[in-house]
Amino acid sequence: MLFAAYIGDDYPELWQIESSQVAMVVEETRSYPIEGDPDAREIWATTNSKGFGYVRLGSEDRAFAVAMFHQLHCVRLLRAALAGRYDTTSRGHVHHCLNYIRQMILCSPNLTLEPPDVLSRDFEVDRIGATHVCSDWTAMYSAAEQNWDSWRAKNSSGSV
């Protein structure tokens, strides 16, 4: 079987994996704190994939960042900035991430209608919001894990 090398501009636009649509009810959560919890950074780190958001594709095992994981990386960075880690080094990265997330929202606008109760709703009591239809993000995590494990098995010499 002949595999594409994905060298230079020779690679597909999308990572082709099996995925279905799922319903996600938007709800307020205490599970992902900005700060105040000594484990906040580690809790947010659980949004990362095995392989750190990268997949290896083609006969040359070329690394590609997956947009969903790049977006989650940016959310983690913004959380860190809100928690006080906004130094000179991170400023340019935060700027990039805000712009990147803005562009991704515009790229795939979610047209689910939500009640305009943001100023009157008690989010501590009424924690459930609208139901959205999404691509199954668990399929993305599973495929990234399988890709990482496969790549690591091929490169088990210890150097990554």
N, C-alpha and C. Protein backbone atom coordinates (compact mmCIF):
# COMPACT_ATOMS: atom_id res chain seq x y z
N MET A 1 0.85 -1.18 0.00
CA MET A 1 0.00 0.00 0.00
C MET A 1 0.89 1.24 0.00
N LEU A 2 0.62 2.19 -0.88
CA LEU A 2 1.42 3.39 -1.02
C LEU A 2 0.79 4.51 -0.19
N PHE A 3 1.60 5.14 0.66
CA PHE A 3 1.13 6.23 1.50
C PHE A 3 1.70 7.54 0.97
N ALA A 4 0.90 8.60 1.05
CA ALA A 4 1.40 9.92 0.68
C ALA A 4 2.43 10.37 1.71
N ALA A 5 3.42 11.10 1.26
CA ALA A 5 4.48 11.55 2.16
C ALA A 5 4.08 12.83 2.91
N TYR A 6 3.17 13.61 2.31
CA TYR A 6 2.77 14.89 2.89
C TYR A 6 3.98 15.80 3.09
N ILE A 7 4.72 16.02 2.02
CA ILE A 7 5.90 16.88 2.02
C ILE A 7 5.51 18.22 1.40
N GLY A 8 6.02 19.31 1.98
CA GLY A 8 5.72 20.65 1.46
C GLY A 8 4.23 20.94 1.54
N ASP A 9 3.66 21.35 0.41
CA ASP A 9 2.23 21.67 0.37
C ASP A 9 1.36 20.46 0.03
N ASP A 10 1.96 19.28 -0.02
CA ASP A 10 1.24 18.05 -0.37
C ASP A 10 0.66 17.41 0.89
N TYR A 11 -0.48 17.89 1.31
CA TYR A 11 -1.20 17.29 2.44
C TYR A 11 -2.67 17.69 2.36
N PRO A 12 -3.55 16.88 2.94
CA PRO A 12 -4.97 17.19 2.87
C PRO A 12 -5.33 18.38 3.76
N GLU A 13 -6.43 19.05 3.43
CA GLU A 13 -6.89 20.19 4.21
C GLU A 13 -7.43 19.76 5.57
N LEU A 14 -8.08 18.61 5.61
CA LEU A 14 -8.73 18.13 6.84
C LEU A 14 -8.17 16.78 7.25
N TRP A 15 -8.14 16.55 8.54
CA TRP A 15 -7.80 15.24 9.08
C TRP A 15 -9.05 14.38 8.96
N GLN A 16 -8.98 13.37 8.14
CA GLN A 16 -10.15 12.53 7.87
C GLN A 16 -10.26 11.43 8.93
N ILE A 17 -11.21 11.60 9.84
CA ILE A 17 -11.49 10.56 10.84
C ILE A 17 -12.99 10.36 10.90
N GLU A 18 -13.39 9.22 11.40
CA GLU A 18 -14.82 8.92 11.58
C GLU A 18 -15.34 9.71 12.76
N SER A 19 -16.40 10.46 12.54
CA SER A 19 -17.01 11.23 13.63
C SER A 19 -18.49 11.39 13.33
N SER A 20 -19.26 11.46 14.39
CA SER A 20 -20.70 11.67 14.24
C SER A 20 -21.08 12.96 14.97
N GLN A 21 -22.35 13.27 14.92
CA GLN A 21 -22.86 14.45 15.62
C GLN A 21 -23.39 14.04 16.99
N VAL A 22 -23.17 14.90 17.98
CA VAL A 22 -23.65 14.65 19.33
C VAL A 22 -24.30 15.92 19.86
N ALA A 23 -25.17 15.75 20.86
CA ALA A 23 -25.79 16.89 21.51
C ALA A 23 -24.95 17.27 22.72
N MET A 24 -24.74 18.56 22.90
CA MET A 24 -24.03 19.05 24.07
C MET A 24 -24.90 20.12 24.73
N VAL A 25 -25.28 19.86 25.97
CA VAL A 25 -26.03 20.84 26.73
C VAL A 25 -25.01 21.76 27.40
N VAL A 26 -25.10 23.03 27.12
CA VAL A 26 -24.18 23.99 27.73
C VAL A 26 -24.61 24.18 29.18
N GLU A 27 -23.68 24.00 30.08
CA GLU A 27 -24.00 24.17 31.49
C GLU A 27 -22.83 24.79 32.23
N GLU A 28 -23.16 25.53 33.25
CA GLU A 28 -22.14 26.14 34.09
C GLU A 28 -21.47 25.03 34.88
N THR A 29 -20.18 25.16 35.12
CA THR A 29 -19.45 24.13 35.83
C THR A 29 -18.40 24.75 36.74
N ARG A 30 -18.13 24.07 37.81
CA ARG A 30 -17.02 24.45 38.68
C ARG A 30 -15.80 23.57 38.38
N SER A 31 -15.94 22.69 37.40
CA SER A 31 -14.91 21.71 37.11
C SER A 31 -13.65 22.30 36.49
N TYR A 32 -13.75 23.44 35.87
CA TYR A 32 -12.60 24.06 35.21
C TYR A 32 -12.39 25.46 35.78
N PRO A 33 -11.80 25.55 36.99
CA PRO A 33 -11.63 26.85 37.63
C PRO A 33 -10.55 27.68 36.94
N ILE A 34 -10.72 29.00 36.98
CA ILE A 34 -9.67 29.89 36.48
C ILE A 34 -8.52 29.91 37.46
N GLU A 35 -8.86 30.08 38.73
CA GLU A 35 -7.86 30.09 39.78
C GLU A 35 -8.53 29.69 41.08
N GLY A 36 -7.79 29.70 42.16
CA GLY A 36 -8.36 29.37 43.46
C GLY A 36 -8.21 27.91 43.83
N ASP A 37 -8.07 27.07 42.82
CA ASP A 37 -7.86 25.64 43.05
C ASP A 37 -6.39 25.36 42.74
N PRO A 38 -5.65 24.79 43.70
CA PRO A 38 -4.22 24.54 43.42
C PRO A 38 -3.99 23.60 42.24
N ASP A 39 -5.02 22.85 41.85
CA ASP A 39 -4.89 21.93 40.73
C ASP A 39 -5.47 22.49 39.43
N ALA A 40 -5.79 23.78 39.39
CA ALA A 40 -6.45 24.36 38.21
C ALA A 40 -5.66 24.11 36.93
N ARG A 41 -4.35 24.31 36.98
CA ARG A 41 -3.54 24.11 35.78
C ARG A 41 -3.62 22.66 35.32
N GLU A 42 -3.51 21.72 36.25
CA GLU A 42 -3.57 20.29 35.91
C GLU A 42 -4.97 19.91 35.40
N ILE A 43 -6.00 20.50 35.99
CA ILE A 43 -7.38 20.21 35.54
C ILE A 43 -7.53 20.65 34.09
N TRP A 44 -7.09 21.87 33.77
CA TRP A 44 -7.18 22.36 32.41
C TRP A 44 -6.29 21.57 31.46
N ALA A 45 -5.19 21.02 31.97
CA ALA A 45 -4.30 20.22 31.12
C ALA A 45 -5.00 18.97 30.60
N THR A 46 -6.05 18.54 31.28
CA THR A 46 -6.79 17.36 30.81
C THR A 46 -7.49 17.60 29.48
N THR A 47 -7.59 18.87 29.04
CA THR A 47 -8.20 19.15 27.73
C THR A 47 -7.21 18.90 26.59
N ASN A 48 -5.95 18.63 26.94
CA ASN A 48 -4.94 18.33 25.93
C ASN A 48 -5.11 16.89 25.45
N SER A 49 -4.64 16.60 24.28
CA SER A 49 -4.72 15.24 23.75
C SER A 49 -3.41 14.52 23.97
N LYS A 50 -3.46 13.22 23.86
CA LYS A 50 -2.21 12.46 23.82
C LYS A 50 -1.53 12.87 22.52
N GLY A 51 -0.28 13.24 22.59
CA GLY A 51 0.40 13.78 21.42
C GLY A 51 0.42 15.30 21.42
N PHE A 52 -0.15 15.89 22.48
CA PHE A 52 -0.09 17.34 22.69
C PHE A 52 -0.75 18.15 21.59
N GLY A 53 -1.79 17.58 20.96
CA GLY A 53 -2.52 18.30 19.92
C GLY A 53 -1.99 18.09 18.53
N TYR A 54 -0.96 17.26 18.41
CA TYR A 54 -0.37 16.99 17.10
C TYR A 54 -0.67 15.56 16.67
N VAL A 55 -0.78 15.37 15.37
CA VAL A 55 -0.89 14.03 14.80
C VAL A 55 0.24 13.88 13.78
N ARG A 56 0.64 12.65 13.57
CA ARG A 56 1.69 12.33 12.59
C ARG A 56 1.03 11.61 11.43
N LEU A 57 1.21 12.16 10.23
CA LEU A 57 0.53 11.62 9.06
C LEU A 57 1.50 11.40 7.90
N GLY A 58 1.13 10.49 7.03
CA GLY A 58 1.90 10.22 5.83
C GLY A 58 3.07 9.31 6.09
N SER A 59 3.71 8.90 5.01
CA SER A 59 4.82 7.96 5.12
C SER A 59 6.03 8.56 5.85
N GLU A 60 6.10 9.87 5.92
CA GLU A 60 7.20 10.55 6.62
C GLU A 60 6.82 10.93 8.05
N ASP A 61 5.61 10.54 8.49
CA ASP A 61 5.13 10.87 9.84
C ASP A 61 5.23 12.37 10.13
N ARG A 62 4.77 13.17 9.16
CA ARG A 62 4.83 14.62 9.31
C ARG A 62 3.87 15.06 10.42
N ALA A 63 4.32 15.96 11.27
CA ALA A 63 3.50 16.47 12.37
C ALA A 63 2.58 17.58 11.88
N PHE A 64 1.32 17.49 12.29
CA PHE A 64 0.33 18.53 12.02
C PHE A 64 -0.39 18.85 13.32
N ALA A 65 -0.65 20.12 13.56
CA ALA A 65 -1.48 20.52 14.69
C ALA A 65 -2.94 20.38 14.26
N VAL A 66 -3.77 19.85 15.13
CA VAL A 66 -5.21 19.73 14.85
C VAL A 66 -5.88 20.99 15.42
N ALA A 67 -6.67 21.67 14.60
CA ALA A 67 -7.25 22.96 14.97
C ALA A 67 -7.99 22.90 16.31
N MET A 68 -8.77 21.86 16.56
CA MET A 68 -9.51 21.77 17.82
C MET A 68 -8.56 21.82 19.01
N PHE A 69 -7.46 21.10 18.93
CA PHE A 69 -6.50 21.08 20.03
C PHE A 69 -5.72 22.39 20.12
N HIS A 70 -5.49 23.05 18.99
CA HIS A 70 -4.87 24.37 19.00
C HIS A 70 -5.79 25.36 19.72
N GLN A 71 -7.09 25.28 19.43
CA GLN A 71 -8.06 26.15 20.09
C GLN A 71 -8.08 25.90 21.60
N LEU A 72 -8.06 24.64 22.00
CA LEU A 72 -8.04 24.32 23.43
C LEU A 72 -6.74 24.80 24.08
N HIS A 73 -5.64 24.70 23.37
CA HIS A 73 -4.37 25.24 23.86
C HIS A 73 -4.54 26.73 24.15
N CYS A 74 -5.17 27.45 23.24
CA CYS A 74 -5.38 28.88 23.42
C CYS A 74 -6.28 29.17 24.61
N VAL A 75 -7.31 28.38 24.81
CA VAL A 75 -8.18 28.57 25.98
C VAL A 75 -7.37 28.35 27.27
N ARG A 76 -6.51 27.33 27.28
CA ARG A 76 -5.66 27.11 28.46
C ARG A 76 -4.74 28.29 28.70
N LEU A 77 -4.18 28.86 27.63
CA LEU A 77 -3.30 30.01 27.77
C LEU A 77 -4.07 31.22 28.30
N LEU A 78 -5.28 31.45 27.81
CA LEU A 78 -6.09 32.56 28.30
C LEU A 78 -6.46 32.37 29.76
N ARG A 79 -6.74 31.13 30.16
CA ARG A 79 -7.02 30.84 31.57
C ARG A 79 -5.82 31.22 32.42
N ALA A 80 -4.63 30.85 31.96
CA ALA A 80 -3.41 31.17 32.71
C ALA A 80 -3.23 32.69 32.81
N ALA A 81 -3.52 33.41 31.73
CA ALA A 81 -3.40 34.88 31.76
C ALA A 81 -4.39 35.48 32.74
N LEU A 82 -5.62 34.97 32.75
CA LEU A 82 -6.62 35.47 33.70
C LEU A 82 -6.23 35.15 35.14
N ALA A 83 -5.50 34.08 35.32
CA ALA A 83 -5.06 33.68 36.66
C ALA A 83 -3.80 34.42 37.09
N GLY A 84 -3.29 35.32 36.24
CA GLY A 84 -2.15 36.14 36.63
C GLY A 84 -0.87 35.91 35.86
N ARG A 85 -0.84 34.91 34.99
CA ARG A 85 0.38 34.67 34.20
C ARG A 85 0.28 35.42 32.88
N TYR A 86 0.53 36.70 32.96
CA TYR A 86 0.46 37.55 31.76
C TYR A 86 1.73 38.39 31.71
N ASP A 87 2.84 37.72 31.46
CA ASP A 87 4.13 38.38 31.43
C ASP A 87 4.48 38.79 30.00
N THR A 88 5.62 39.40 29.84
CA THR A 88 6.06 39.89 28.53
C THR A 88 6.11 38.76 27.50
N THR A 89 6.57 37.59 27.92
CA THR A 89 6.67 36.46 27.00
C THR A 89 5.32 35.99 26.51
N SER A 90 4.32 35.98 27.40
CA SER A 90 3.01 35.44 27.01
C SER A 90 2.13 36.44 26.28
N ARG A 91 2.44 37.73 26.33
CA ARG A 91 1.57 38.75 25.71
C ARG A 91 1.34 38.50 24.22
N GLY A 92 2.42 38.26 23.47
CA GLY A 92 2.26 38.00 22.03
C GLY A 92 1.48 36.74 21.77
N HIS A 93 1.68 35.74 22.62
CA HIS A 93 0.97 34.47 22.47
C HIS A 93 -0.52 34.67 22.78
N VAL A 94 -0.84 35.45 23.81
CA VAL A 94 -2.24 35.74 24.14
C VAL A 94 -2.89 36.49 22.99
N HIS A 95 -2.18 37.45 22.41
CA HIS A 95 -2.71 38.20 21.27
C HIS A 95 -3.04 37.23 20.12
N HIS A 96 -2.09 36.35 19.82
CA HIS A 96 -2.31 35.34 18.77
C HIS A 96 -3.55 34.51 19.10
N CYS A 97 -3.66 34.04 20.33
CA CYS A 97 -4.76 33.15 20.70
C CYS A 97 -6.12 33.83 20.63
N LEU A 98 -6.21 35.06 21.10
CA LEU A 98 -7.50 35.78 20.99
C LEU A 98 -7.91 35.93 19.54
N ASN A 99 -6.98 36.29 18.70
CA ASN A 99 -7.28 36.45 17.28
C ASN A 99 -7.62 35.11 16.64
N TYR A 100 -6.89 34.07 17.00
CA TYR A 100 -7.13 32.73 16.45
C TYR A 100 -8.51 32.22 16.85
N ILE A 101 -8.88 32.35 18.11
CA ILE A 101 -10.20 31.90 18.56
C ILE A 101 -11.30 32.71 17.85
N ARG A 102 -11.10 34.02 17.70
CA ARG A 102 -12.06 34.86 16.98
C ARG A 102 -12.26 34.34 15.56
N GLN A 103 -11.15 34.03 14.88
CA GLN A 103 -11.25 33.54 13.51
C GLN A 103 -11.92 32.17 13.44
N MET A 104 -11.65 31.30 14.40
CA MET A 104 -12.26 29.98 14.40
C MET A 104 -13.78 30.06 14.65
N ILE A 105 -14.21 30.99 15.47
CA ILE A 105 -15.65 31.19 15.69
C ILE A 105 -16.30 31.67 14.39
N LEU A 106 -15.64 32.58 13.70
CA LEU A 106 -16.17 33.07 12.43
C LEU A 106 -16.15 31.98 11.36
N CYS A 107 -15.15 31.09 11.42
CA CYS A 107 -15.02 30.02 10.44
C CYS A 107 -16.15 29.00 10.55
N SER A 108 -16.53 28.67 11.77
CA SER A 108 -17.60 27.69 12.02
C SER A 108 -18.62 28.29 12.96
N PRO A 109 -19.41 29.25 12.48
CA PRO A 109 -20.36 29.89 13.38
C PRO A 109 -21.45 28.91 13.83
N ASN A 110 -21.71 28.92 15.12
CA ASN A 110 -22.75 28.09 15.71
C ASN A 110 -24.00 28.95 15.78
N LEU A 111 -25.04 28.56 15.06
CA LEU A 111 -26.24 29.38 14.94
C LEU A 111 -27.35 28.96 15.91
N THR A 112 -27.01 28.19 16.93
CA THR A 112 -27.98 27.82 17.96
C THR A 112 -28.50 29.09 18.63
N LEU A 113 -29.82 29.19 18.77
CA LEU A 113 -30.42 30.35 19.44
C LEU A 113 -30.39 30.14 20.95
N GLU A 114 -29.94 31.16 21.66
CA GLU A 114 -29.87 31.11 23.12
C GLU A 114 -30.67 32.27 23.69
N PRO A 115 -31.38 32.03 24.79
CA PRO A 115 -32.15 33.12 25.40
C PRO A 115 -31.23 34.26 25.84
N PRO A 116 -31.69 35.49 25.70
CA PRO A 116 -30.86 36.64 26.08
C PRO A 116 -30.97 36.96 27.57
N ASP A 117 -30.67 35.99 28.41
CA ASP A 117 -30.86 36.17 29.86
C ASP A 117 -29.54 36.32 30.61
N VAL A 118 -28.50 36.72 29.93
CA VAL A 118 -27.18 36.76 30.54
C VAL A 118 -27.12 37.72 31.74
N LEU A 119 -27.90 38.79 31.72
CA LEU A 119 -27.88 39.74 32.82
C LEU A 119 -28.85 39.40 33.94
N SER A 120 -29.87 38.58 33.63
CA SER A 120 -30.87 38.28 34.66
C SER A 120 -30.79 36.85 35.19
N ARG A 121 -30.12 35.99 34.52
CA ARG A 121 -30.06 34.58 34.92
C ARG A 121 -29.12 34.39 36.11
N ASP A 122 -29.54 33.60 37.06
CA ASP A 122 -28.69 33.24 38.20
C ASP A 122 -27.95 31.96 37.82
N PHE A 123 -26.70 32.10 37.39
CA PHE A 123 -25.93 30.96 36.90
C PHE A 123 -25.59 29.96 38.00
N GLU A 124 -25.72 30.38 39.26
CA GLU A 124 -25.49 29.45 40.38
C GLU A 124 -26.69 28.53 40.57
N VAL A 125 -27.87 28.98 40.18
CA VAL A 125 -29.09 28.19 40.34
C VAL A 125 -29.50 27.55 39.02
N ASP A 126 -29.62 28.37 37.98
CA ASP A 126 -30.04 27.91 36.66
C ASP A 126 -28.80 27.64 35.82
N ARG A 127 -28.26 26.43 35.97
CA ARG A 127 -26.95 26.10 35.41
C ARG A 127 -27.01 25.52 33.99
N ILE A 128 -28.20 25.23 33.49
CA ILE A 128 -28.35 24.57 32.19
C ILE A 128 -28.74 25.60 31.14
N GLY A 129 -28.06 25.52 30.00
CA GLY A 129 -28.35 26.43 28.90
C GLY A 129 -28.87 25.66 27.69
N ALA A 130 -28.64 26.20 26.53
CA ALA A 130 -29.14 25.63 25.27
C ALA A 130 -28.41 24.33 24.93
N THR A 131 -29.08 23.52 24.12
CA THR A 131 -28.47 22.30 23.59
C THR A 131 -27.92 22.60 22.21
N HIS A 132 -26.67 22.24 22.00
CA HIS A 132 -26.00 22.46 20.73
C HIS A 132 -25.71 21.12 20.07
N VAL A 133 -25.66 21.11 18.75
CA VAL A 133 -25.27 19.91 18.00
C VAL A 133 -23.83 20.11 17.58
N CYS A 134 -22.98 19.14 17.95
CA CYS A 134 -21.54 19.27 17.75
C CYS A 134 -20.97 18.03 17.08
N SER A 135 -19.81 18.20 16.49
CA SER A 135 -19.05 17.02 16.09
C SER A 135 -18.61 16.32 17.36
N ASP A 136 -18.55 15.01 17.33
CA ASP A 136 -18.19 14.24 18.52
C ASP A 136 -16.72 14.43 18.85
N TRP A 137 -16.45 15.30 19.81
CA TRP A 137 -15.07 15.60 20.19
C TRP A 137 -14.37 14.40 20.79
N THR A 138 -15.11 13.45 21.36
CA THR A 138 -14.45 12.26 21.91
C THR A 138 -13.80 11.44 20.81
N ALA A 139 -14.37 11.48 19.60
CA ALA A 139 -13.76 10.78 18.46
C ALA A 139 -12.42 11.42 18.11
N MET A 140 -12.31 12.74 18.26
CA MET A 140 -11.04 13.43 17.98
C MET A 140 -9.97 13.00 18.98
N TYR A 141 -10.35 12.94 20.27
CA TYR A 141 -9.40 12.50 21.29
C TYR A 141 -8.96 11.05 21.05
N SER A 142 -9.91 10.18 20.72
CA SER A 142 -9.59 8.77 20.47
C SER A 142 -8.66 8.62 19.28
N ALA A 143 -8.96 9.34 18.20
CA ALA A 143 -8.13 9.25 17.00
C ALA A 143 -6.73 9.81 17.26
N ALA A 144 -6.64 10.90 18.02
CA ALA A 144 -5.33 11.47 18.35
C ALA A 144 -4.52 10.51 19.22
N GLU A 145 -5.20 9.85 20.17
CA GLU A 145 -4.50 8.88 21.02
C GLU A 145 -4.00 7.70 20.19
N GLN A 146 -4.84 7.20 19.31
CA GLN A 146 -4.44 6.07 18.45
C GLN A 146 -3.28 6.48 17.55
N ASN A 147 -3.33 7.69 16.99
CA ASN A 147 -2.27 8.18 16.13
C ASN A 147 -0.96 8.29 16.91
N TRP A 148 -1.01 8.85 18.12
CA TRP A 148 0.19 9.01 18.96
C TRP A 148 0.78 7.65 19.32
N ASP A 149 -0.10 6.72 19.76
CA ASP A 149 0.38 5.40 20.15
C ASP A 149 1.03 4.68 18.97
N SER A 150 0.44 4.81 17.79
CA SER A 150 0.99 4.18 16.59
C SER A 150 2.35 4.78 16.24
N TRP A 151 2.45 6.10 16.30
CA TRP A 151 3.70 6.77 15.99
C TRP A 151 4.77 6.40 17.02
N ARG A 152 4.41 6.38 18.29
CA ARG A 152 5.37 6.02 19.34
C ARG A 152 5.86 4.58 19.18
N ALA A 153 4.96 3.68 18.79
CA ALA A 153 5.35 2.27 18.59
C ALA A 153 6.36 2.15 17.46
N LYS A 154 6.18 2.94 16.38
CA LYS A 154 7.12 2.93 15.26
C LYS A 154 8.44 3.57 15.63
N ASN A 155 8.43 4.46 16.60
CA ASN A 155 9.62 5.21 16.99
C ASN A 155 10.01 4.91 18.44
N SER A 156 9.96 3.66 18.81
CA SER A 156 10.15 3.28 20.20
C SER A 156 11.61 3.28 20.64
N SER A 157 12.47 3.89 19.85
CA SER A 157 13.89 3.94 20.22
C SER A 157 14.14 4.83 21.43
N GLY A 158 13.10 5.55 21.87
CA GLY A 158 13.24 6.40 23.04
C GLY A 158 13.38 7.87 22.74
N SER A 159 13.72 8.21 21.51
CA SER A 159 13.86 9.63 21.17
C SER A 159 12.59 10.11 20.50
N VAL A 160 12.07 11.23 20.97
CA VAL A 160 10.86 11.82 20.42
C VAL A 160 11.17 13.20 19.93
